Amino acid sequence: MKWFLVLATVVGLGACTDDSDTAAQAHQAAQQPSNRPVRSTAPAPNPVPARQPDVDLLRAVATDIVVSSVYRNDLQQAAQLADADLQTAWNARSGELLDSWIEVHLPSDATVTSLQITAGFTHRTATADLFTGNQRIARVRVRHNDSELGVFSIDPESRELQTLPVHGAGGVYRVEVLELVAGSHANWREVCVSELRVLGQAPTAIAGRRFPHFHVGARTPRETLIAPDNVEQHFVRAADSFARAFRRLEGDIHRDENDMGEPGLDDGFAADYRRRRRQLLQSLGSAIEAISAPDGDSIRALAFAPLRPGDLAIVANALVSASASLSPEARCQWHYDHIAILLSRVAVSVAVQREVDDMDDAMGVGATGPDLSMLQITLERLDGSFEHPSPAAIASVRRVRMPDLTRTRQDWPALLSVVDENATLCGW
């Protein structure tokens, strides 16, 4: 019995020793790295959204720019702060100098990360350096609403945009000129800034699709809301009024050019027509802004830009975009107005070409093109009666057989394109 107990004890001890070694080996193995993938049961973390790049808020959200003054009371001077062109500049009133300032009014939900500004008028002409010749900014103070954000130095020798490290929420940012470096022309006593940019973000930002409203001295409140049931009437009235006034403007330009006996206008006439054109585009842009802010802004931006051959196409595209949700009747009114503008242009071009042919014939050169007498009469009759949209008027236009004339190679195909593209929509 004793031997049995001893044997049993030895066997039992041996068994305990083996279990302990096995557990130790298992524990050691657990500490070794495994090549097998481990499947986690924890929930995956939400991805951190990437930060959107900053945009120039002046061209991305609804903004207002107010300046202390403008040179010779020309509002276009203020618009040149935000035209993305370093060859233009805002010029303050002569002699204002250290009393000059710029304010930017931003939506409350915007976030500003920095301002950028030029020290002066960066343009260099063939005969003069407007940067070194003019006053240049050396120091400014920046305020946000009622708080001062700091005083910042600006390098008056650099033509580049310079960053002012300010940041904050939306509201009013004011840049005040504190120090200037005089230019080489002692009689040039205007503060100049070629470009101002406000970098940041906003929930409603559409980069490059907005354009500021400009004011001198103080911001003028504006009301752009219209009742939903008046939107179509508002659009039709604005587009039709623009088309009629634009046709008169181009007709007056042609008449005055003829009175002078040569292409081009003298400075007085040209300045008056630029003023009328700007008023037309500003008025149309402000009216369309109440329906589609980006489309209205694209039209207002044209008001402050140099006259270009493609201006009418930009206006037409903006009006087509703004009216996309309106009834076919409202949309077709603009298409008809667009055709009327192009028809007037073609009628003028044919009349001018006929005058040139007649002069060549009188001088014995001899006209080399077709006789335009009947075509001129037909176009002038159509132009004079082209007032209210009708399939009959469009049919009369379709029947015109236009010869290949250099003066009409752009406007006549554009006219036919508007007719063909909207024939189904408008019942032409």
Protein backbone atom coordinates (compact mmCIF):
# COMPACT_ATOMS: atom_id res chain seq x y z
CA MET A 1 0.00 0.00 0.00
CA LYS A 2 2.78 2.38 0.86
CA TRP A 3 4.46 1.68 -2.45
CA PHE A 4 1.22 2.36 -4.24
CA LEU A 5 0.82 5.69 -2.46
CA VAL A 6 4.39 6.67 -3.21
CA LEU A 7 3.98 5.67 -6.87
CA ALA A 8 0.72 7.52 -7.10
CA THR A 9 2.30 10.60 -5.58
CA VAL A 10 5.21 10.47 -7.99
CA VAL A 11 2.91 10.02 -10.95
CA GLY A 12 0.73 12.85 -9.73
CA LEU A 13 3.69 15.19 -9.29
CA GLY A 14 4.93 14.26 -12.73
CA ALA A 15 1.58 15.15 -14.18
CA CYS A 16 1.54 18.57 -12.47
CA THR A 17 5.01 19.34 -13.75
CA ASP A 18 4.00 18.56 -17.33
CA ASP A 19 0.88 20.81 -17.16
CA SER A 20 2.92 23.67 -15.78
CA ASP A 21 5.47 23.42 -18.57
CA THR A 22 2.72 23.29 -21.17
CA ALA A 23 1.06 26.42 -19.75
CA ALA A 24 4.37 28.24 -19.67
CA GLN A 25 5.05 27.30 -23.28
CA ALA A 26 1.59 28.47 -24.28
CA HIS A 27 2.11 31.77 -22.47
CA GLN A 28 5.47 32.22 -24.18
CA ALA A 29 3.96 31.46 -27.58
CA ALA A 30 1.24 34.03 -26.95
CA GLN A 31 3.91 36.66 -26.52
CA GLN A 32 5.46 35.93 -29.91
CA PRO A 33 4.22 37.98 -32.89
CA SER A 34 1.95 36.17 -35.31
CA ASN A 35 1.94 36.48 -39.04
CA ARG A 36 -1.76 35.79 -39.16
CA PRO A 37 -4.05 38.86 -39.63
CA VAL A 38 -6.03 39.87 -36.57
CA ARG A 39 -9.68 40.75 -37.11
CA SER A 40 -10.73 43.63 -34.86
CA THR A 41 -14.22 43.73 -33.42
CA ALA A 42 -13.94 47.44 -32.54
CA PRO A 43 -15.95 49.87 -34.72
CA ALA A 44 -13.94 51.63 -37.45
CA PRO A 45 -13.21 55.30 -36.65
CA ASN A 46 -14.98 57.92 -38.72
CA PRO A 47 -12.63 59.31 -41.42
CA VAL A 48 -11.43 62.85 -40.83
CA PRO A 49 -12.68 64.98 -43.74
CA ALA A 50 -9.94 66.64 -45.76
CA ARG A 51 -9.73 70.39 -45.28
CA GLN A 52 -10.94 72.23 -48.34
CA PRO A 53 -8.45 74.63 -49.95
CA ASP A 54 -8.93 78.31 -49.30
CA VAL A 55 -10.60 80.42 -51.98
CA ASP A 56 -10.71 84.14 -52.67
CA LEU A 57 -13.95 84.95 -50.87
CA LEU A 58 -14.38 88.14 -52.91
CA ARG A 59 -15.03 85.94 -55.96
CA ALA A 60 -16.76 83.08 -54.15
CA VAL A 61 -19.47 84.49 -51.84
CA ALA A 62 -21.73 87.53 -51.62
CA THR A 63 -19.51 90.45 -50.59
CA ASP A 64 -19.38 94.24 -50.54
CA ILE A 65 -16.27 96.37 -50.92
CA VAL A 66 -16.35 99.93 -49.58
CA VAL A 67 -13.49 102.34 -50.27
CA SER A 68 -12.81 105.71 -48.69
CA SER A 69 -12.85 107.43 -52.10
CA VAL A 70 -12.13 106.93 -55.80
CA TYR A 71 -10.10 108.92 -58.29
CA ARG A 72 -12.26 111.36 -60.29
CA ASN A 73 -15.45 109.78 -58.84
CA ASP A 74 -15.01 106.72 -61.07
CA LEU A 75 -16.57 103.66 -59.40
CA GLN A 76 -14.64 101.39 -61.73
CA GLN A 77 -11.56 102.31 -59.70
CA ALA A 78 -13.02 100.36 -56.77
CA ALA A 79 -13.96 97.40 -58.97
CA GLN A 80 -10.34 97.08 -60.06
CA LEU A 81 -9.48 95.89 -56.55
CA ALA A 82 -11.11 92.55 -57.32
CA ASP A 83 -10.75 92.08 -61.09
CA ALA A 84 -7.87 89.55 -60.81
CA ASP A 85 -5.73 91.86 -62.95
CA LEU A 86 -2.50 93.30 -61.56
CA GLN A 87 -2.35 95.70 -64.52
CA THR A 88 -5.25 97.75 -63.10
CA ALA A 89 -5.64 99.47 -59.74
CA TRP A 90 -7.90 101.28 -57.32
CA ASN A 91 -6.80 104.89 -56.96
CA ALA A 92 -8.10 106.95 -54.04
CA ARG A 93 -8.91 110.63 -54.33
CA SER A 94 -5.89 112.85 -54.96
CA GLY A 95 -4.36 114.04 -51.70
CA GLU A 96 -6.31 111.67 -49.42
CA LEU A 97 -3.21 109.56 -48.65
CA LEU A 98 -3.16 108.49 -44.96
CA ASP A 99 -6.93 108.87 -44.69
CA SER A 100 -7.46 106.08 -47.22
CA TRP A 101 -9.06 102.77 -46.29
CA ILE A 102 -10.77 99.69 -47.73
CA GLU A 103 -13.60 97.73 -46.11
CA VAL A 104 -14.76 94.23 -46.99
CA HIS A 105 -18.18 93.00 -45.82
CA LEU A 106 -18.42 89.20 -45.65
CA PRO A 107 -21.24 86.76 -44.77
CA SER A 108 -21.35 85.78 -41.09
CA ASP A 109 -20.70 82.09 -41.88
CA ALA A 110 -17.41 82.82 -43.67
CA THR A 111 -14.00 82.08 -42.17
CA VAL A 112 -11.03 84.29 -43.08
CA THR A 113 -7.53 82.81 -43.02
CA SER A 114 -5.55 85.75 -44.46
CA LEU A 115 -5.68 88.92 -46.53
CA GLN A 116 -3.50 89.63 -49.54
CA ILE A 117 -2.77 93.10 -50.91
CA THR A 118 -0.34 94.83 -53.24
CA ALA A 119 1.74 97.76 -52.06
CA GLY A 120 0.75 99.91 -55.02
CA PHE A 121 -0.06 100.08 -58.73
CA THR A 122 2.04 97.23 -60.12
CA HIS A 123 1.68 98.11 -63.81
CA ARG A 124 4.58 99.14 -66.02
CA THR A 125 3.78 100.82 -69.36
CA ALA A 126 6.06 101.34 -72.35
CA THR A 127 6.91 104.84 -71.11
CA ALA A 128 6.40 104.82 -67.33
CA ASP A 129 6.66 102.62 -64.26
CA LEU A 130 3.43 103.24 -62.39
CA PHE A 131 4.68 101.29 -59.37
CA THR A 132 7.75 103.38 -58.60
CA GLY A 133 6.12 106.55 -59.84
CA ASN A 134 3.11 106.35 -57.50
CA GLN A 135 2.71 106.31 -53.74
CA ARG A 136 3.30 102.84 -52.21
CA ILE A 137 1.95 101.45 -48.96
CA ALA A 138 4.47 100.56 -46.22
CA ARG A 139 2.23 99.92 -43.19
CA VAL A 140 -1.45 99.21 -42.54
CA ARG A 141 -3.79 98.55 -39.65
CA VAL A 142 -6.42 95.80 -39.96
CA ARG A 143 -9.66 95.85 -37.97
CA HIS A 144 -12.33 93.17 -37.71
CA ASN A 145 -15.70 94.64 -36.75
CA ASP A 146 -14.82 96.72 -33.66
CA SER A 147 -11.53 94.99 -32.81
CA GLU A 148 -8.01 95.77 -33.99
CA LEU A 149 -6.24 92.69 -35.36
CA GLY A 150 -2.85 94.31 -35.70
CA VAL A 151 -0.51 96.65 -37.54
CA PHE A 152 1.40 95.08 -40.43
CA SER A 153 4.37 96.16 -42.51
CA ILE A 154 4.25 95.87 -46.29
CA ASP A 155 7.34 95.80 -48.50
CA PRO A 156 7.03 98.91 -50.70
CA GLU A 157 9.63 97.51 -53.10
CA SER A 158 7.66 94.35 -53.96
CA ARG A 159 5.08 94.25 -56.74
CA GLU A 160 3.73 90.88 -55.56
CA LEU A 161 0.63 90.22 -53.51
CA GLN A 162 1.69 90.31 -49.84
CA THR A 163 -0.03 88.31 -47.10
CA LEU A 164 -1.44 89.89 -43.95
CA PRO A 165 -1.67 87.07 -41.36
CA VAL A 166 -5.12 87.77 -39.99
CA HIS A 167 -7.93 85.31 -39.41
CA GLY A 168 -11.42 85.30 -38.00
CA ALA A 169 -15.08 84.88 -38.72
CA GLY A 170 -17.12 86.77 -41.26
CA GLY A 171 -18.13 90.38 -40.77
CA VAL A 172 -16.38 93.63 -41.67
CA TYR A 173 -12.62 93.75 -42.29
CA ARG A 174 -11.11 97.21 -42.64
CA VAL A 175 -7.60 97.96 -43.95
CA GLU A 176 -6.36 101.43 -43.01
CA VAL A 177 -3.28 103.01 -44.61
CA LEU A 178 -0.80 104.17 -41.93
CA GLU A 179 2.43 104.79 -43.83
CA LEU A 180 3.40 105.51 -47.43
CA VAL A 181 6.56 105.72 -49.50
CA ALA A 182 6.43 108.58 -51.97
CA GLY A 183 6.88 107.79 -55.65
CA SER A 184 9.21 109.43 -58.15
CA HIS A 185 6.40 111.68 -59.43
CA ALA A 186 5.78 114.24 -56.72
CA ASN A 187 2.45 115.30 -58.22
CA TRP A 188 1.03 111.75 -58.11
CA ARG A 189 -0.68 111.92 -54.74
CA GLU A 190 -3.08 108.99 -54.80
CA VAL A 191 -3.01 105.78 -52.77
CA CYS A 192 -3.03 102.86 -55.24
CA VAL A 193 -3.74 99.16 -54.78
CA SER A 194 -3.76 96.82 -57.76
CA GLU A 195 -5.42 93.86 -56.06
CA LEU A 196 -7.01 92.77 -52.79
CA ARG A 197 -7.85 89.18 -51.92
CA VAL A 198 -9.56 87.72 -48.88
CA LEU A 199 -8.64 84.06 -48.50
CA GLY A 200 -10.80 81.67 -46.52
CA GLN A 201 -13.77 79.37 -46.67
CA ALA A 202 -17.55 79.50 -46.48
CA PRO A 203 -20.31 76.88 -46.75
CA THR A 204 -21.83 78.63 -49.77
CA ALA A 205 -18.55 79.40 -51.56
CA ILE A 206 -18.51 78.94 -55.35
CA ALA A 207 -14.98 79.77 -56.43
CA GLY A 208 -14.83 82.26 -59.29
CA ARG A 209 -18.62 82.65 -59.64
CA ARG A 210 -19.32 85.71 -57.52
CA PHE A 211 -18.41 89.39 -57.85
CA PRO A 212 -18.52 92.06 -55.12
CA HIS A 213 -20.80 95.06 -54.93
CA PHE A 214 -18.79 98.28 -54.70
CA HIS A 215 -19.47 101.43 -52.68
CA VAL A 216 -17.72 104.71 -51.94
CA GLY A 217 -17.71 106.15 -48.43
CA ALA A 218 -20.40 103.89 -46.98
CA ARG A 219 -22.16 100.65 -47.82
CA THR A 220 -25.56 101.13 -49.44
CA PRO A 221 -28.07 98.47 -48.38
CA ARG A 222 -29.65 96.58 -51.23
CA GLU A 223 -32.79 94.49 -51.48
CA THR A 224 -32.71 91.64 -53.99
CA LEU A 225 -35.62 89.47 -52.84
CA ILE A 226 -38.61 89.10 -55.13
CA ALA A 227 -41.87 87.25 -54.57
CA PRO A 228 -41.89 83.72 -56.06
CA ASP A 229 -44.92 84.49 -58.21
CA ASN A 230 -43.12 87.50 -59.73
CA VAL A 231 -39.90 85.77 -60.78
CA GLU A 232 -40.89 85.15 -64.40
CA GLN A 233 -42.30 88.62 -64.88
CA HIS A 234 -39.17 90.05 -63.26
CA PHE A 235 -36.90 88.07 -65.61
CA VAL A 236 -38.82 88.90 -68.79
CA ARG A 237 -38.97 92.60 -67.94
CA ALA A 238 -35.25 92.77 -67.14
CA ALA A 239 -34.12 90.83 -70.23
CA ASP A 240 -36.43 92.69 -72.61
CA SER A 241 -35.47 96.09 -71.21
CA PHE A 242 -31.80 95.26 -71.60
CA ALA A 243 -32.22 94.05 -75.19
CA ARG A 244 -34.06 97.19 -76.29
CA ALA A 245 -31.55 99.52 -74.61
CA PHE A 246 -28.59 97.53 -75.92
CA ARG A 247 -29.88 97.72 -79.48
CA ARG A 248 -30.27 101.51 -79.12
CA LEU A 249 -26.76 101.80 -77.72
CA GLU A 250 -25.16 99.87 -80.59
CA GLY A 251 -27.28 101.79 -83.10
CA ASP A 252 -26.10 105.12 -81.63
CA ILE A 253 -22.49 104.01 -81.80
CA HIS A 254 -22.90 103.11 -85.47
CA ARG A 255 -24.62 106.42 -86.23
CA ASP A 256 -21.90 108.50 -84.57
CA GLU A 257 -19.16 106.53 -86.29
CA ASN A 258 -20.84 107.27 -89.63
CA ASP A 259 -21.17 110.96 -88.76
CA MET A 260 -17.42 111.07 -88.13
CA GLY A 261 -16.76 109.35 -91.45
CA GLU A 262 -14.47 106.64 -90.05
CA PRO A 263 -14.52 103.72 -87.62
CA GLY A 264 -14.00 104.50 -83.96
CA LEU A 265 -15.23 107.29 -81.72
CA ASP A 266 -13.56 110.32 -80.23
CA ASP A 267 -12.81 110.24 -76.51
CA GLY A 268 -15.98 112.09 -75.51
CA PHE A 269 -18.34 109.76 -77.38
CA ALA A 270 -16.40 106.68 -76.28
CA ALA A 271 -16.55 107.66 -72.60
CA ASP A 272 -20.30 108.26 -72.85
CA TYR A 273 -20.92 104.88 -74.46
CA ARG A 274 -18.76 103.11 -71.88
CA ARG A 275 -20.84 104.76 -69.17
CA ARG A 276 -24.12 103.70 -70.81
CA ARG A 277 -22.86 100.15 -71.34
CA ARG A 278 -21.79 99.90 -67.70
CA GLN A 279 -25.16 101.14 -66.48
CA LEU A 280 -26.99 98.63 -68.68
CA LEU A 281 -24.92 95.69 -67.49
CA GLN A 282 -25.04 96.73 -63.84
CA SER A 283 -28.80 97.13 -63.99
CA LEU A 284 -29.32 93.78 -65.71
CA GLY A 285 -26.85 92.01 -63.41
CA SER A 286 -28.52 93.35 -60.27
CA ALA A 287 -31.94 92.30 -61.57
CA ILE A 288 -30.78 88.77 -62.46
CA GLU A 289 -28.93 88.45 -59.15
CA ALA A 290 -32.34 88.26 -57.45
CA ILE A 291 -33.03 85.07 -59.45
CA SER A 292 -29.54 83.55 -59.67
CA ALA A 293 -26.77 85.30 -57.77
CA PRO A 294 -23.81 83.75 -59.66
CA ASP A 295 -25.37 84.55 -63.05
CA GLY A 296 -26.17 88.10 -62.00
CA ASP A 297 -22.62 88.56 -60.75
CA SER A 298 -21.12 87.34 -64.03
CA ILE A 299 -23.08 90.05 -65.84
CA ARG A 300 -22.11 92.76 -63.33
CA ALA A 301 -18.45 91.77 -63.68
CA LEU A 302 -18.69 92.60 -67.40
CA ALA A 303 -19.78 96.11 -66.51
CA PHE A 304 -16.33 96.87 -65.13
CA ALA A 305 -14.34 94.92 -67.71
CA PRO A 306 -13.03 96.29 -71.02
CA LEU A 307 -15.34 95.93 -74.01
CA ARG A 308 -14.75 92.56 -75.70
CA PRO A 309 -16.32 90.92 -78.78
CA GLY A 310 -17.69 88.03 -76.71
CA ASP A 311 -19.57 90.15 -74.18
CA LEU A 312 -23.01 89.42 -75.63
CA ALA A 313 -22.34 85.66 -75.53
CA ILE A 314 -21.46 85.91 -71.83
CA VAL A 315 -24.68 87.80 -71.12
CA ALA A 316 -26.71 85.30 -73.16
CA ASN A 317 -25.21 82.31 -71.36
CA ALA A 318 -25.91 83.90 -67.97
CA LEU A 319 -29.54 84.62 -68.87
CA VAL A 320 -30.05 81.10 -70.23
CA SER A 321 -28.62 79.69 -66.99
CA ALA A 322 -30.70 81.99 -64.77
CA SER A 323 -33.93 81.13 -66.60
CA ALA A 324 -33.37 77.35 -66.71
CA SER A 325 -36.15 76.68 -64.19
CA LEU A 326 -38.62 79.16 -65.68
CA SER A 327 -41.42 78.50 -68.15
CA PRO A 328 -40.72 78.07 -71.88
CA GLU A 329 -42.48 81.40 -72.51
CA ALA A 330 -40.07 83.29 -70.24
CA ARG A 331 -37.01 81.53 -71.67
CA CYS A 332 -38.15 82.09 -75.26
CA GLN A 333 -38.62 85.81 -74.64
CA TRP A 334 -34.89 86.11 -74.01
CA HIS A 335 -34.02 83.92 -77.01
CA TYR A 336 -36.15 86.20 -79.16
CA ASP A 337 -34.49 89.29 -77.65
CA HIS A 338 -31.09 87.74 -78.33
CA ILE A 339 -32.03 87.19 -81.98
CA ALA A 340 -33.24 90.80 -82.20
CA ILE A 341 -29.84 92.11 -81.00
CA LEU A 342 -27.98 89.94 -83.51
CA LEU A 343 -30.38 90.91 -86.31
CA SER A 344 -29.71 94.60 -85.63
CA ARG A 345 -25.99 93.96 -85.77
CA VAL A 346 -26.29 92.11 -89.09
CA ALA A 347 -28.48 94.84 -90.56
CA VAL A 348 -25.87 97.45 -89.62
CA SER A 349 -23.03 95.33 -91.00
CA VAL A 350 -24.76 94.88 -94.37
CA ALA A 351 -25.54 98.61 -94.54
CA VAL A 352 -21.89 99.46 -93.86
CA GLN A 353 -20.70 96.97 -96.48
CA ARG A 354 -23.06 98.46 -99.04
CA GLU A 355 -21.72 101.96 -98.30
CA VAL A 356 -18.18 100.71 -98.81
CA ASP A 357 -19.18 99.08 -102.09
CA ASP A 358 -20.88 102.28 -103.28
CA MET A 359 -17.77 104.35 -102.45
CA ASP A 360 -15.56 101.87 -104.28
CA ASP A 361 -17.86 102.06 -107.28
CA ALA A 362 -17.83 105.87 -107.21
CA MET A 363 -14.03 105.87 -107.14
CA GLY A 364 -13.90 103.53 -110.10
CA VAL A 365 -12.57 100.63 -108.08
CA GLY A 366 -15.66 98.58 -108.74
CA ALA A 367 -17.55 96.46 -106.28
CA THR A 368 -16.40 92.87 -106.29
CA GLY A 369 -19.19 91.41 -104.10
CA PRO A 370 -22.91 90.87 -104.68
CA ASP A 371 -25.42 93.70 -104.90
CA LEU A 372 -26.62 94.23 -101.34
CA SER A 373 -29.41 96.71 -102.06
CA MET A 374 -32.36 94.34 -101.61
CA LEU A 375 -30.72 92.53 -98.70
CA GLN A 376 -30.22 95.82 -96.88
CA ILE A 377 -33.89 96.77 -97.39
CA THR A 378 -35.06 93.34 -96.20
CA LEU A 379 -32.93 93.39 -93.05
CA GLU A 380 -33.87 96.93 -92.14
CA ARG A 381 -37.57 96.06 -92.53
CA LEU A 382 -37.16 92.97 -90.34
CA ASP A 383 -35.14 94.86 -87.76
CA GLY A 384 -37.74 97.61 -87.54
CA SER A 385 -40.64 95.20 -87.02
CA PHE A 386 -38.89 92.62 -84.84
CA GLU A 387 -40.54 93.49 -81.54
CA HIS A 388 -42.85 90.74 -80.29
CA PRO A 389 -42.02 87.01 -80.48
CA SER A 390 -43.83 85.24 -83.30
CA PRO A 391 -43.21 82.20 -85.52
CA ALA A 392 -43.91 84.40 -88.55
CA ALA A 393 -41.05 86.76 -87.70
CA ILE A 394 -38.67 83.81 -87.23
CA ALA A 395 -39.84 82.35 -90.55
CA SER A 396 -38.98 85.65 -92.26
CA VAL A 397 -35.49 85.51 -90.81
CA ARG A 398 -35.03 81.93 -92.02
CA ARG A 399 -35.89 83.01 -95.57
CA VAL A 400 -33.01 85.50 -95.71
CA ARG A 401 -30.19 84.36 -97.98
CA MET A 402 -27.00 85.83 -96.57
CA PRO A 403 -23.96 85.99 -98.86
CA ASP A 404 -20.54 85.29 -97.45
CA LEU A 405 -19.59 88.68 -96.03
CA THR A 406 -16.65 89.20 -93.68
CA ARG A 407 -18.67 91.63 -91.57
CA THR A 408 -21.43 89.10 -90.85
CA ARG A 409 -19.44 85.90 -90.45
CA GLN A 410 -19.85 85.87 -86.67
CA ASP A 411 -23.26 87.40 -85.99
CA TRP A 412 -25.32 85.71 -88.71
CA PRO A 413 -24.29 82.12 -87.84
CA ALA A 414 -24.81 82.98 -84.16
CA LEU A 415 -28.32 84.22 -84.96
CA LEU A 416 -29.23 81.07 -86.90
CA SER A 417 -27.81 78.95 -84.09
CA VAL A 418 -30.12 80.58 -81.53
CA VAL A 419 -33.07 80.00 -83.87
CA ASP A 420 -32.25 76.34 -84.53
CA GLU A 421 -31.36 75.41 -80.96
CA ASN A 422 -34.62 76.76 -79.57
CA ALA A 423 -37.02 75.99 -82.41
CA THR A 424 -38.65 73.08 -80.57
CA LEU A 425 -38.83 74.82 -77.21
CA CYS A 426 -40.31 78.00 -78.66
CA GLY A 427 -42.48 76.57 -81.41
CA TRP A 428 -40.57 78.20 -84.25
